[in-house]
């Protein structure tokens, strides 16, 4: 049975192709790939922010993929990317 509660967020590790050091944006994710799937293009970068938690900087990117709003997080400690839905 599918869970229809939109308040529950899932997080999965993904591979991201990003552009670093471009104009006023220090990092811009361009595409991402879920395990076992093809590459997904990011349509638009909506917002970026940095959160500090326990000595780790989390770089958070709110993006659009088509009409779907997603969040990508980059962990500065282990250099991993996670997709949150």
C-alpha atoms as a PDB file:
ATOM      1  CA  UNK A   1       0.000   0.000   0.000  1.00  0.00           C
ATOM      2  CA  UNK A   2       1.377   3.396  -1.020  1.00  0.00           C
ATOM      3  CA  UNK A   3       1.969   6.067   1.620  1.00  0.00           C
ATOM      4  CA  UNK A   4       0.200   9.292   0.614  1.00  0.00           C
ATOM      5  CA  UNK A   5       1.431  11.374   3.560  1.00  0.00           C
ATOM      6  CA  UNK A   6       3.287  14.266   1.918  1.00  0.00           C
ATOM      7  CA  UNK A   7       4.913  15.272   5.246  1.00  0.00           C
ATOM      8  CA  UNK A   8       7.225  12.256   5.188  1.00  0.00           C
ATOM      9  CA  UNK A   9      10.427  13.019   3.276  1.00  0.00           C
ATOM     10  CA  UNK A  10      12.618  10.370   1.744  1.00  0.00           C
ATOM     11  CA  UNK A  11      16.301  10.837   1.092  1.00  0.00           C
ATOM     12  CA  UNK A  12      18.493   8.867  -1.300  1.00  0.00           C
ATOM     13  CA  UNK A  13      22.099   9.212  -2.368  1.00  0.00           C
ATOM     14  CA  UNK A  14      22.518  10.348  -5.978  1.00  0.00           C
ATOM     15  CA  UNK A  15      25.315  11.238  -8.409  1.00  0.00           C
ATOM     16  CA  UNK A  16      25.296  14.903  -9.450  1.00  0.00           C
ATOM     17  CA  UNK A  17      26.936  16.769 -12.314  1.00  0.00           C
ATOM     18  CA  UNK A  18      27.505  20.321 -11.076  1.00  0.00           C
ATOM     19  CA  UNK A  19      29.121  23.489 -12.325  1.00  0.00           C
ATOM     20  CA  UNK A  20      31.474  25.048  -9.756  1.00  0.00           C
ATOM     21  CA  UNK A  21      32.660  28.662  -9.629  1.00  0.00           C
ATOM     22  CA  UNK A  22      30.310  30.120 -12.235  1.00  0.00           C
ATOM     23  CA  UNK A  23      29.616  33.875 -11.958  1.00  0.00           C
ATOM     24  CA  UNK A  24      27.790  34.692  -8.708  1.00  0.00           C
ATOM     25  CA  UNK A  25      26.755  31.084  -8.006  1.00  0.00           C
ATOM     26  CA  UNK A  26      29.637  29.084  -6.479  1.00  0.00           C
ATOM     27  CA  UNK A  27      27.924  25.757  -7.282  1.00  0.00           C
ATOM     28  CA  UNK A  28      25.021  24.897  -9.570  1.00  0.00           C
ATOM     29  CA  UNK A  29      23.754  21.318  -9.967  1.00  0.00           C
ATOM     30  CA  UNK A  30      22.957  20.564 -13.626  1.00  0.00           C
ATOM     31  CA  UNK A  31      21.893  16.909 -13.682  1.00  0.00           C
ATOM     32  CA  UNK A  32      21.557  13.997 -11.267  1.00  0.00           C
ATOM     33  CA  UNK A  33      21.355  10.229 -11.556  1.00  0.00           C
ATOM     34  CA  UNK A  34      19.520   7.859  -9.247  1.00  0.00           C
ATOM     35  CA  UNK A  35      20.908   4.360  -8.823  1.00  0.00           C
ATOM     36  CA  UNK A  36      19.922   2.238 -11.814  1.00  0.00           C
ATOM     37  CA  UNK A  37      18.267   5.108 -13.711  1.00  0.00           C
ATOM     38  CA  UNK A  38      19.273   7.455 -16.502  1.00  0.00           C
ATOM     39  CA  UNK A  39      20.442  11.020 -15.985  1.00  0.00           C
ATOM     40  CA  UNK A  40      17.791  13.633 -15.076  1.00  0.00           C
ATOM     41  CA  UNK A  41      18.232  17.252 -16.152  1.00  0.00           C
ATOM     42  CA  UNK A  42      17.523  20.023 -13.658  1.00  0.00           C
ATOM     43  CA  UNK A  43      15.202  22.562 -15.260  1.00  0.00           C
ATOM     44  CA  UNK A  44      15.741  25.452 -12.852  1.00  0.00           C
ATOM     45  CA  UNK A  45      17.688  26.343  -9.712  1.00  0.00           C
ATOM     46  CA  UNK A  46      15.213  27.997  -7.344  1.00  0.00           C
ATOM     47  CA  UNK A  47      17.172  28.664  -4.160  1.00  0.00           C
ATOM     48  CA  UNK A  48      20.417  27.816  -2.403  1.00  0.00           C
ATOM     49  CA  UNK A  49      21.315  27.887   1.278  1.00  0.00           C
ATOM     50  CA  UNK A  50      23.960  26.559   3.649  1.00  0.00           C
ATOM     51  CA  UNK A  51      23.226  24.929   6.994  1.00  0.00           C
ATOM     52  CA  UNK A  52      25.877  24.049   9.548  1.00  0.00           C
ATOM     53  CA  UNK A  53      25.293  20.944  11.664  1.00  0.00           C
ATOM     54  CA  UNK A  54      27.943  19.445  13.928  1.00  0.00           C
ATOM     55  CA  UNK A  55      30.884  20.910  12.044  1.00  0.00           C
ATOM     56  CA  UNK A  56      29.501  19.927   8.639  1.00  0.00           C
ATOM     57  CA  UNK A  57      28.291  22.381   6.031  1.00  0.00           C
ATOM     58  CA  UNK A  58      25.231  21.174   4.132  1.00  0.00           C
ATOM     59  CA  UNK A  59      24.739  23.001   0.836  1.00  0.00           C
ATOM     60  CA  UNK A  60      21.039  22.832   0.002  1.00  0.00           C
ATOM     61  CA  UNK A  61      19.648  23.391  -3.491  1.00  0.00           C
ATOM     62  CA  UNK A  62      15.924  23.681  -4.207  1.00  0.00           C
ATOM     63  CA  UNK A  63      15.473  22.770  -7.878  1.00  0.00           C
ATOM     64  CA  UNK A  64      12.780  22.118 -10.465  1.00  0.00           C
ATOM     65  CA  UNK A  65      12.754  19.018 -12.631  1.00  0.00           C
ATOM     66  CA  UNK A  66       9.962  19.675 -15.086  1.00  0.00           C
ATOM     67  CA  UNK A  67       7.161  20.731 -12.735  1.00  0.00           C
ATOM     68  CA  UNK A  68       8.411  18.719  -9.744  1.00  0.00           C
ATOM     69  CA  UNK A  69      10.188  20.569  -6.925  1.00  0.00           C
ATOM     70  CA  UNK A  70      13.069  18.625  -5.345  1.00  0.00           C
ATOM     71  CA  UNK A  71      15.888  19.333  -2.920  1.00  0.00           C
ATOM     72  CA  UNK A  72      19.511  18.304  -3.438  1.00  0.00           C
ATOM     73  CA  UNK A  73      21.907  18.398  -0.483  1.00  0.00           C
ATOM     74  CA  UNK A  74      25.693  18.371  -0.723  1.00  0.00           C
ATOM     75  CA  UNK A  75      27.548  17.202   2.400  1.00  0.00           C
ATOM     76  CA  UNK A  76      30.915  18.978   2.688  1.00  0.00           C
ATOM     77  CA  UNK A  77      32.395  16.322   4.994  1.00  0.00           C
ATOM     78  CA  UNK A  78      31.985  13.209   2.875  1.00  0.00           C
ATOM     79  CA  UNK A  79      31.325  15.004  -0.467  1.00  0.00           C
ATOM     80  CA  UNK A  80      28.072  13.106  -1.005  1.00  0.00           C
ATOM     81  CA  UNK A  81      24.877  14.316  -2.676  1.00  0.00           C
ATOM     82  CA  UNK A  82      21.390  13.376  -1.472  1.00  0.00           C
ATOM     83  CA  UNK A  83      18.004  13.897  -3.108  1.00  0.00           C
ATOM     84  CA  UNK A  84      15.081  14.732  -0.834  1.00  0.00           C
ATOM     85  CA  UNK A  85      11.494  14.385  -1.967  1.00  0.00           C
END
